[in-house]
Protein backbone atom coordinates (compact mmCIF):
# COMPACT_ATOMS: atom_id res chain seq x y z
CA MET A 1 -20.24 36.90 56.63
CA ARG A 2 -16.64 37.63 57.56
CA THR A 3 -14.03 35.06 56.58
CA PRO A 4 -12.52 32.99 59.42
CA ALA A 5 -9.14 34.18 60.66
CA PHE A 6 -7.65 30.70 60.22
CA TRP A 7 -8.15 30.96 56.45
CA GLY A 8 -5.34 33.51 56.27
CA HIS A 9 -1.82 32.77 55.12
CA GLY A 10 0.40 31.73 58.01
CA ALA A 11 -2.45 31.60 60.55
CA ARG A 12 -1.89 29.11 63.35
CA SER A 13 -4.94 27.03 64.11
CA PRO A 14 -5.91 23.34 64.31
CA TRP A 15 -9.02 23.96 62.21
CA PRO A 16 -7.48 23.56 58.73
CA THR A 17 -6.19 20.09 59.65
CA LEU A 18 -9.45 19.09 61.33
CA LEU A 19 -11.55 20.29 58.39
CA ALA A 20 -9.24 18.97 55.66
CA PRO A 21 -11.34 15.79 55.07
CA LEU A 22 -14.37 17.98 54.33
CA GLY A 23 -12.20 20.07 52.03
CA ALA A 24 -11.25 16.93 50.10
CA VAL A 25 -14.94 16.13 49.63
CA VAL A 26 -15.65 19.67 48.39
CA ALA A 27 -12.72 19.46 45.94
CA SER A 28 -13.97 16.14 44.60
CA VAL A 29 -17.54 17.37 44.13
CA THR A 30 -16.29 20.54 42.44
CA ALA A 31 -14.07 18.55 40.07
CA ARG A 32 -16.98 16.34 39.02
CA ARG A 33 -19.21 19.35 38.42
CA ILE A 34 -16.56 21.15 36.36
CA ALA A 35 -16.09 18.06 34.18
CA ARG A 36 -19.67 18.33 32.83
CA PRO A 37 -19.91 19.39 29.18
CA GLY A 38 -20.86 23.00 28.49
CA TRP A 39 -22.38 24.98 25.63
CA ARG A 40 -20.10 26.38 22.94
CA ALA A 41 -21.19 29.95 22.19
CA PRO A 42 -20.86 31.25 18.62
CA VAL A 43 -18.75 34.16 19.92
CA PRO A 44 -15.54 34.24 22.03
CA VAL A 45 -15.93 33.84 25.80
CA ILE A 46 -13.52 35.37 28.33
CA CYS A 47 -13.67 34.45 32.02
CA CYS A 48 -12.26 36.54 34.89
CA GLY A 49 -12.21 33.95 37.67
CA ASN A 50 -10.34 32.81 40.73
CA VAL A 51 -9.96 29.80 43.00
CA THR A 52 -10.66 31.62 46.26
CA VAL A 53 -13.80 33.01 47.81
CA GLY A 54 -13.86 36.74 48.36
CA GLY A 55 -12.61 39.66 46.35
CA ALA A 56 -9.45 38.97 44.40
CA GLY A 57 -10.30 41.74 41.95
CA LYS A 58 -12.41 39.92 39.35
CA THR A 59 -14.86 42.79 38.88
CA THR A 60 -12.07 45.35 38.59
CA LEU A 61 -10.46 43.21 35.90
CA ALA A 62 -13.80 42.71 34.13
CA LEU A 63 -14.38 46.48 34.10
CA ASP A 64 -10.94 47.03 32.62
CA LEU A 65 -11.38 44.42 29.89
CA ALA A 66 -14.90 45.57 29.04
CA SER A 67 -13.63 49.12 28.60
CA ARG A 68 -10.78 47.93 26.37
CA LEU A 69 -13.10 45.86 24.20
CA ARG A 70 -15.60 48.67 23.84
CA ALA A 71 -12.81 51.04 22.86
CA ARG A 72 -12.07 48.67 19.97
CA GLY A 73 -15.68 48.84 18.84
CA VAL A 74 -16.44 45.27 19.98
CA ALA A 75 -19.96 44.65 21.31
CA VAL A 76 -19.04 43.04 24.64
CA HIS A 77 -21.71 41.77 27.04
CA VAL A 78 -20.94 40.86 30.65
CA LEU A 79 -22.39 37.80 32.40
CA LEU A 80 -22.43 37.21 36.15
CA ARG A 81 -24.48 35.52 38.78
CA GLY A 82 -25.46 38.79 40.44
CA TYR A 83 -24.07 38.08 43.89
CA GLY A 84 -25.82 40.07 46.59
CA GLY A 85 -28.97 40.39 44.51
CA SER A 86 -31.91 38.08 43.95
CA THR A 87 -32.50 36.72 40.46
CA ARG A 88 -35.62 35.10 41.83
CA ALA A 89 -36.88 38.56 42.70
CA ALA A 90 -35.89 39.72 39.24
CA HIS A 91 -38.11 37.04 37.76
CA SER A 92 -41.09 37.77 39.98
CA HIS A 93 -42.44 40.28 37.50
CA ARG A 94 -40.72 39.03 34.34
CA SER A 95 -40.69 35.80 32.37
CA PRO A 96 -38.25 33.19 33.76
CA GLY A 97 -34.72 33.41 32.43
CA PRO A 98 -31.67 35.69 32.52
CA HIS A 99 -32.19 39.32 33.44
CA ARG A 100 -30.51 42.19 31.60
CA VAL A 101 -29.57 44.86 34.11
CA ALA A 102 -31.59 48.01 33.47
CA PRO A 103 -31.23 51.60 34.71
CA GLY A 104 -32.92 51.88 38.08
CA ASP A 105 -32.48 48.24 39.07
CA PRO A 106 -31.69 48.20 42.81
CA ALA A 107 -28.67 46.37 44.17
CA SER A 108 -31.03 44.19 46.19
CA LEU A 109 -32.35 42.85 42.88
CA VAL A 110 -29.24 42.37 40.71
CA GLY A 111 -26.25 42.87 43.03
CA ASP A 112 -23.81 45.76 43.42
CA GLU A 113 -21.21 44.41 40.97
CA ALA A 114 -23.78 44.08 38.19
CA LEU A 115 -24.71 47.74 38.56
CA LEU A 116 -21.09 48.83 38.16
CA LEU A 117 -20.53 46.62 35.12
CA ALA A 118 -23.77 47.79 33.50
CA GLU A 119 -22.33 51.31 33.41
CA VAL A 120 -19.64 50.05 31.03
CA ALA A 121 -21.37 47.35 28.95
CA PRO A 122 -24.69 45.45 28.67
CA THR A 123 -24.79 43.14 31.68
CA TRP A 124 -26.82 39.99 32.37
CA VAL A 125 -27.40 38.28 35.72
CA GLY A 126 -28.50 34.69 36.16
CA ALA A 127 -27.26 31.44 37.67
CA ASP A 128 -27.26 29.65 34.28
CA ARG A 129 -24.36 31.22 32.36
CA ALA A 130 -25.28 29.37 29.16
CA ALA A 131 -28.82 30.78 29.25
CA SER A 132 -27.44 34.27 29.86
CA ALA A 133 -24.99 33.76 27.00
CA ARG A 134 -27.76 32.79 24.59
CA SER A 135 -29.74 35.88 25.54
CA ALA A 136 -26.69 38.11 25.16
CA VAL A 137 -25.82 36.68 21.73
CA ALA A 138 -29.43 37.16 20.61
CA ALA A 139 -29.13 40.78 21.75
CA GLY A 140 -26.06 41.36 19.58
CA ALA A 141 -23.08 40.37 21.75
CA GLU A 142 -19.87 39.84 19.75
CA ILE A 143 -17.88 38.71 22.78
CA LEU A 144 -18.93 37.47 26.21
CA LEU A 145 -17.11 38.45 29.41
CA LEU A 146 -17.70 36.48 32.61
CA ASP A 147 -17.20 38.13 35.99
CA ASP A 148 -16.53 34.94 37.98
CA GLY A 149 -17.57 31.54 36.65
CA LEU A 150 -14.26 29.66 36.52
CA GLN A 151 -15.93 26.77 38.37
CA ASN A 152 -19.14 27.02 36.31
CA PRO A 153 -19.15 24.36 33.53
CA THR A 154 -22.29 25.43 31.64
CA LEU A 155 -20.41 27.68 29.20
CA ILE A 156 -17.17 26.79 27.40
CA LYS A 157 -14.50 29.50 27.78
CA ASP A 158 -12.03 30.53 25.09
CA MET A 159 -9.78 32.34 27.57
CA SER A 160 -9.80 32.15 31.36
CA LEU A 161 -7.76 34.50 33.53
CA LEU A 162 -6.94 33.43 37.08
CA VAL A 163 -7.20 36.54 39.27
CA VAL A 164 -4.93 36.52 42.32
CA ASP A 165 -4.81 39.11 45.09
CA GLY A 166 -1.17 39.78 45.87
CA GLY A 167 -1.94 40.61 49.48
CA SER A 168 -3.90 37.49 50.43
CA GLY A 169 -2.81 35.03 47.73
CA PHE A 170 -4.38 31.63 48.26
CA GLY A 171 -4.75 31.97 52.03
CA ASN A 172 -3.76 28.90 53.98
CA GLY A 173 -3.89 26.77 50.82
CA HIS A 174 -6.81 24.60 51.94
CA VAL A 175 -10.15 23.98 50.23
CA LEU A 176 -13.44 25.03 51.81
CA PRO A 177 -14.28 24.84 54.67
CA ALA A 178 -10.68 24.30 55.84
CA GLY A 179 -9.55 27.34 53.85
CA PRO A 180 -10.64 29.89 51.26
CA LEU A 181 -10.08 27.77 48.14
CA ARG A 182 -13.00 26.72 45.94
CA GLU A 183 -10.74 24.07 44.41
CA PRO A 184 -7.00 23.28 44.52
CA VAL A 185 -4.84 25.97 42.93
CA ALA A 186 -3.31 23.59 40.38
CA ALA A 187 -6.74 22.38 39.24
CA GLY A 188 -8.06 25.87 38.61
CA ALA A 189 -4.86 27.16 37.04
CA ALA A 190 -4.80 24.23 34.60
CA ARG A 191 -7.94 25.64 32.92
CA CYS A 192 -6.49 29.16 32.58
CA GLN A 193 -4.39 30.75 29.87
CA ALA A 194 -2.79 33.29 32.24
CA ALA A 195 -2.87 34.57 35.81
CA VAL A 196 -3.42 38.21 36.72
CA LEU A 197 -1.61 39.08 39.97
CA ILE A 198 -3.02 42.29 41.40
CA GLY A 199 -0.81 44.16 43.86
CA ALA A 200 2.58 43.29 45.30
CA ASP A 201 3.08 39.55 45.80
CA ALA A 202 3.36 39.81 49.57
CA ILE A 203 3.17 36.08 50.35
CA GLY A 204 4.66 34.38 47.32
CA ALA A 205 1.44 33.45 45.50
CA ALA A 206 3.16 33.43 42.09
CA ALA A 207 5.43 30.60 43.25
CA GLN A 208 2.35 28.43 43.89
CA LEU A 209 1.22 28.66 40.27
CA PRO A 210 2.15 25.97 37.71
CA ASP A 211 5.36 26.44 35.76
CA GLY A 212 4.68 27.86 32.33
CA LEU A 213 1.51 29.75 33.23
CA PRO A 214 2.03 33.38 32.17
CA VAL A 215 1.66 35.81 35.07
CA LEU A 216 0.48 39.32 34.21
CA ARG A 217 1.07 41.83 36.99
CA ALA A 218 -1.07 44.85 37.74
CA ARG A 219 -1.82 47.20 40.61
CA LEU A 220 -4.80 49.14 41.86
CA GLU A 221 -4.67 52.91 41.67
CA GLN A 222 -7.19 55.32 43.11
CA ALA A 223 -9.37 57.00 40.50
CA PRO A 224 -8.72 60.71 39.72
CA GLU A 225 -11.57 61.87 41.98
CA VAL A 226 -9.37 61.09 44.99
CA ALA A 227 -7.55 64.39 44.28
CA ASP A 228 -10.57 66.29 45.65
CA LEU A 229 -9.95 64.70 49.06
CA LEU A 230 -6.29 65.66 49.44
CA GLY A 231 -5.82 67.81 52.50
CA ARG A 232 -9.14 66.67 54.01
CA ARG A 233 -9.83 64.33 56.89
CA VAL A 234 -12.05 61.42 55.89
CA LEU A 235 -14.00 58.63 57.53
CA ALA A 236 -13.66 55.68 55.17
CA PHE A 237 -16.18 52.84 55.27
CA ALA A 238 -16.46 49.75 53.09
CA GLY A 239 -18.32 46.45 52.90
CA ILE A 240 -16.08 44.58 50.48
CA ALA A 241 -14.02 41.40 50.78
CA ARG A 242 -10.90 43.25 51.97
CA PRO A 243 -11.84 46.73 53.21
CA GLU A 244 -8.24 47.44 54.20
CA LYS A 245 -7.33 47.55 50.49
CA PHE A 246 -9.61 50.57 50.13
CA PHE A 247 -8.40 52.25 53.31
CA ASP A 248 -4.71 51.72 52.52
CA GLY A 249 -5.22 52.90 48.95
CA LEU A 250 -6.64 56.20 50.17
CA GLN A 251 -3.67 56.70 52.47
CA ARG A 252 -1.17 55.90 49.70
CA ALA A 253 -2.90 58.52 47.57
CA GLY A 254 -2.24 61.10 50.30
CA VAL A 255 -5.67 61.20 51.96
CA THR A 256 -5.81 61.53 55.77
CA VAL A 257 -7.96 58.61 56.94
CA GLU A 258 -9.19 59.75 60.34
CA ALA A 259 -11.37 56.70 60.98
CA ARG A 260 -12.20 53.35 59.34
CA ARG A 261 -15.40 51.31 59.38
CA SER A 262 -15.35 47.77 58.00
CA PHE A 263 -18.44 45.76 57.07
CA PRO A 264 -18.83 42.26 55.57
CA ASP A 265 -18.64 41.82 51.80
CA HIS A 266 -21.87 42.87 49.99
CA HIS A 267 -23.24 44.14 53.31
CA PRO A 268 -26.83 45.47 53.01
CA TYR A 269 -26.53 48.73 54.92
CA SER A 270 -29.32 49.71 57.27
CA MET A 271 -30.41 53.31 57.70
CA ARG A 272 -29.15 53.22 61.28
CA GLU A 273 -25.66 52.09 60.23
CA ILE A 274 -25.27 54.84 57.65
CA GLN A 275 -26.66 57.47 59.98
CA ASP A 276 -24.07 56.39 62.54
CA VAL A 277 -21.33 56.75 59.92
CA LEU A 278 -22.57 60.22 58.97
CA GLU A 279 -22.88 61.37 62.57
CA THR A 280 -19.41 60.07 63.47
CA ALA A 281 -17.92 61.80 60.42
CA LYS A 282 -19.57 65.06 61.44
CA ARG A 283 -18.22 64.75 64.97
CA LEU A 284 -14.71 64.14 63.62
CA GLN A 285 -15.10 66.93 61.08
CA ALA A 286 -14.34 64.35 58.42
CA THR A 287 -15.78 63.60 55.00
CA PRO A 288 -17.49 60.17 54.72
CA VAL A 289 -15.96 58.20 51.81
CA THR A 290 -16.79 54.79 50.37
CA THR A 291 -16.33 52.58 47.30
CA PRO A 292 -18.54 52.45 44.19
CA LYS A 293 -19.69 48.95 45.18
CA ASP A 294 -20.83 50.23 48.56
CA ALA A 295 -22.45 53.31 47.04
CA ALA A 296 -24.53 51.04 44.80
CA ARG A 297 -26.15 49.62 47.94
CA LEU A 298 -27.18 53.02 49.31
CA THR A 299 -30.37 54.88 48.60
CA PRO A 300 -29.96 57.94 46.35
CA GLU A 301 -30.55 60.22 49.35
CA LEU A 302 -27.77 58.59 51.40
CA ARG A 303 -25.45 58.31 48.40
CA ALA A 304 -25.64 62.08 47.97
CA GLN A 305 -24.19 62.53 51.48
CA VAL A 306 -20.99 60.54 50.94
CA ARG A 307 -18.03 60.81 48.57
CA VAL A 308 -17.29 57.87 46.29
CA VAL A 309 -13.76 56.94 45.23
CA GLY A 310 -13.12 54.03 42.89
CA VAL A 311 -9.99 52.26 41.69
CA ARG A 312 -8.58 51.42 38.31
CA LEU A 313 -6.23 48.71 37.14
CA VAL A 314 -2.74 49.73 36.02
CA TRP A 315 -0.79 47.04 34.16
CA ASP A 316 2.95 46.54 34.45
CA ASP A 317 2.94 45.37 30.82
CA ASP A 318 -0.05 46.80 29.01
CA ALA A 319 0.96 45.10 25.76
CA ALA A 320 0.66 41.64 27.36
CA ILE A 321 -3.08 41.90 28.07
CA THR A 322 -3.56 43.46 24.63
CA ARG A 323 -1.95 40.42 22.99
CA LEU A 324 -4.21 38.04 24.92
CA LEU A 325 -7.30 39.97 23.88
CA ASP A 326 -6.10 40.03 20.26
CA ALA A 327 -5.67 36.27 20.27
CA THR A 328 -9.11 35.67 21.78
CA ILE A 329 -10.90 38.05 19.43
CA GLY A 330 -9.09 36.38 16.52
CA ARG A 331 -10.74 33.10 17.38
């Protein structure tokens, strides 16, 4: 589903005010759920979370941290719910419990984000983070990394990072369904050791964070494979939370974006939709380009007909995230 326009920062609409009482109920229920006691794992637990729905950049951050931890020789395992996939389907031919993502698992089973993370580190999907954590520890995990889960109380975190998209911030500042917040900003930030602000702070999101919370700044940069597209016309398509981030990133890298096609986040592409993209690209004499998350939802035959360009996280202060990881590993 696409997010309502009135969720955006500065949007003028009566809906946030009308829906605010429901938002207060959601915030109260969320607070009670978060207050439940969780399981303390025998290894450090890091959470990449946020207080908004949609893509703030949690998976990009998780990929970066997993790569850093692996480079240190630490056996990191990633835990996530597997959004866009079906853990019930995963259990239809296996014993009940968490599922470790395996080569060949389709996105319809485990979710597109899980497939990307599994390329970097062992990855587990399942709604019960504590159960996934136990399985990961039994499999040799020395540190657990959560992609999302800030509002999930089943597993105690040693370090939580609040991921904030600099372009969209906290939207209109209201809790669901009046706005995009899962819980009030102050409530979520109080459980975090630092915030990670990705991209230029276009709407003053940093000013809405509690005083004293460290803010680490980073930006998204197109992966090196974008160089192969310089001088070409492309048709860019994406089914992510904010497709314009992908489109604008290509243009900043010097790629000529002849046409754009936006789809909802985690969109399950039909053969007809992709064929239309390919035919339009051919008519425009353009190369069809998409994101790794979108490519994970395509069949191998269709994936071979499009170019895939990812992003990487570039830190303003690389030493700051290193110090946080050092402190967590030391625990």
